[in-house]
Amino acid sequence: MQTEMPVNYGIGWTTDLDGTFRKIASYLKKDGIFIFSWHHPLNYCIPWSCDERKDVIDNNALVMNKSYFDESYFRMPVDGSEILLCNRKISTYVSALAKAGFVIEQMVEQTDVG
C-alpha cells in the first residue's frame, strides 16, 4: 500500500526512529509528502507537576531540570501507569529523516502568539 501524504502526530512514541522513518519512506509514492508533529524537545527539559498538571515554576521562571542534549529514555506517569519516552534533539529527527531519504522542504515551529 502506497500513499501520497501520511501524517503522523505521534512519531516520538517510536523506540526505533531510523526504522520508523525507513518504513514510512517505503510507503510513500515517488515525490510523496510526509508530515509529522511531536512535542518540542525543550518541553521535556522543564519540570512538570503531575499532581498540579502544570509546569513547575520557581520565582516566576521556568527552570530546566534536564539537558536538551540528554537523549536517554525516561518514564512518564500517565493515568496511574507509566510510559517510556525518549527525548530527541531536533537534529536527531532531521538526521534520521535524511538517512531515510527524505528531503526537508520546511520546518514549522509553534509560536506563543495565540
Protein backbone atom coordinates (compact mmCIF):
# COMPACT_ATOMS: atom_id res chain seq x y z
CA MET A 1 0.00 0.00 0.00
CA GLN A 2 1.48 3.34 -1.01
CA THR A 3 0.05 6.70 -0.05
CA GLU A 4 0.76 10.26 -1.10
CA MET A 5 0.78 12.00 2.27
CA PRO A 6 0.95 10.07 5.53
CA VAL A 7 0.55 12.31 8.56
CA ASN A 8 1.82 11.20 11.95
CA TYR A 9 1.17 13.04 15.21
CA GLY A 10 2.98 10.58 17.47
CA ILE A 11 6.42 9.98 15.97
CA GLY A 12 8.01 10.48 19.39
CA TRP A 13 6.47 7.23 20.65
CA THR A 14 8.73 5.09 18.48
CA THR A 15 11.71 3.32 20.01
CA ASP A 16 13.27 2.83 16.54
CA LEU A 17 13.31 6.25 14.88
CA ASP A 18 15.52 5.22 11.92
CA GLY A 19 13.45 2.11 11.23
CA THR A 20 10.18 4.01 11.54
CA PHE A 21 11.28 6.67 9.03
CA ARG A 22 12.59 3.98 6.62
CA LYS A 23 9.23 2.19 6.81
CA ILE A 24 7.29 5.41 6.22
CA ALA A 25 9.53 6.27 3.24
CA SER A 26 8.81 2.84 1.74
CA TYR A 27 5.04 3.56 1.89
CA LEU A 28 5.27 6.86 0.03
CA LYS A 29 4.72 7.22 -3.68
CA LYS A 30 7.52 8.88 -5.66
CA ASP A 31 7.56 12.56 -4.66
CA GLY A 32 5.10 11.83 -1.83
CA ILE A 33 4.91 14.07 1.22
CA PHE A 34 5.25 13.08 4.87
CA ILE A 35 4.18 15.42 7.68
CA PHE A 36 4.75 14.70 11.35
CA SER A 37 4.28 16.53 14.60
CA TRP A 38 5.60 15.94 18.09
CA HIS A 39 6.45 17.86 21.26
CA HIS A 40 9.29 20.34 21.02
CA PRO A 41 12.33 18.69 22.68
CA LEU A 42 12.61 21.51 25.20
CA ASN A 43 9.22 20.51 26.66
CA TYR A 44 10.79 17.53 28.42
CA CYS A 45 13.57 19.68 29.90
CA ILE A 46 11.09 21.63 32.05
CA PRO A 47 9.86 20.00 35.27
CA TRP A 48 6.16 19.06 35.26
CA SER A 49 3.94 18.57 38.29
CA CYS A 50 1.70 15.58 37.66
CA ASP A 51 -0.35 16.43 40.75
CA GLU A 52 -0.95 20.02 39.68
CA ARG A 53 -0.93 19.24 35.92
CA LYS A 54 1.29 22.19 35.09
CA ASP A 55 4.90 23.26 34.65
CA VAL A 56 6.88 23.81 37.82
CA ILE A 57 7.78 27.49 38.19
CA ASP A 58 10.48 28.78 40.56
CA ASN A 59 10.48 32.54 41.29
CA ASN A 60 8.30 33.22 38.23
CA ALA A 61 10.74 31.38 35.93
CA LEU A 62 10.73 28.02 34.25
CA VAL A 63 13.79 26.09 35.35
CA MET A 64 15.32 23.37 33.22
CA ASN A 65 15.89 20.15 35.11
CA LYS A 66 17.21 18.11 32.18
CA SER A 67 19.68 18.87 29.42
CA TYR A 68 18.36 19.28 25.88
CA PHE A 69 21.27 17.07 24.80
CA ASP A 70 20.21 14.16 27.06
CA GLU A 71 18.55 11.68 24.71
CA SER A 72 18.14 8.93 27.27
CA TYR A 73 14.83 7.16 27.81
CA PHE A 74 12.71 8.21 30.75
CA ARG A 75 9.45 7.11 32.36
CA MET A 76 6.43 9.38 32.47
CA PRO A 77 3.36 8.71 34.63
CA VAL A 78 0.10 8.56 32.67
CA ASP A 79 -3.28 7.67 34.19
CA GLY A 80 -1.91 5.52 37.02
CA SER A 81 0.62 3.80 34.75
CA GLU A 82 3.93 4.70 33.14
CA ILE A 83 5.10 5.11 29.57
CA LEU A 84 8.66 5.03 28.27
CA LEU A 85 9.74 8.01 26.15
CA CYS A 86 12.94 9.29 24.62
CA ASN A 87 13.59 13.00 24.30
CA ARG A 88 15.34 13.52 20.97
CA LYS A 89 17.08 16.65 19.75
CA ILE A 90 15.72 18.31 16.62
CA SER A 91 18.95 17.36 14.85
CA THR A 92 18.29 13.69 15.66
CA TYR A 93 14.94 13.86 13.85
CA VAL A 94 16.44 15.76 10.90
CA SER A 95 19.37 13.32 10.60
CA ALA A 96 17.07 10.27 10.77
CA LEU A 97 14.82 11.77 8.08
CA ALA A 98 17.81 12.45 5.82
CA LYS A 99 19.17 8.94 6.42
CA ALA A 100 15.80 7.50 5.33
CA GLY A 101 15.97 9.53 2.10
CA PHE A 102 13.62 12.38 2.96
CA VAL A 103 14.23 15.91 1.74
CA ILE A 104 13.11 18.54 4.22
CA GLU A 105 11.40 21.42 2.46
CA GLN A 106 10.06 23.23 5.50
CA MET A 107 10.18 23.12 9.29
CA VAL A 108 7.49 24.98 11.22
CA GLU A 109 7.61 25.59 14.95
CA GLN A 110 4.72 26.69 17.11
CA THR A 111 4.80 30.22 18.45
CA ASP A 112 3.44 31.75 21.63
CA VAL A 113 1.17 34.01 19.57
CA GLY A 114 -2.44 32.98 20.21
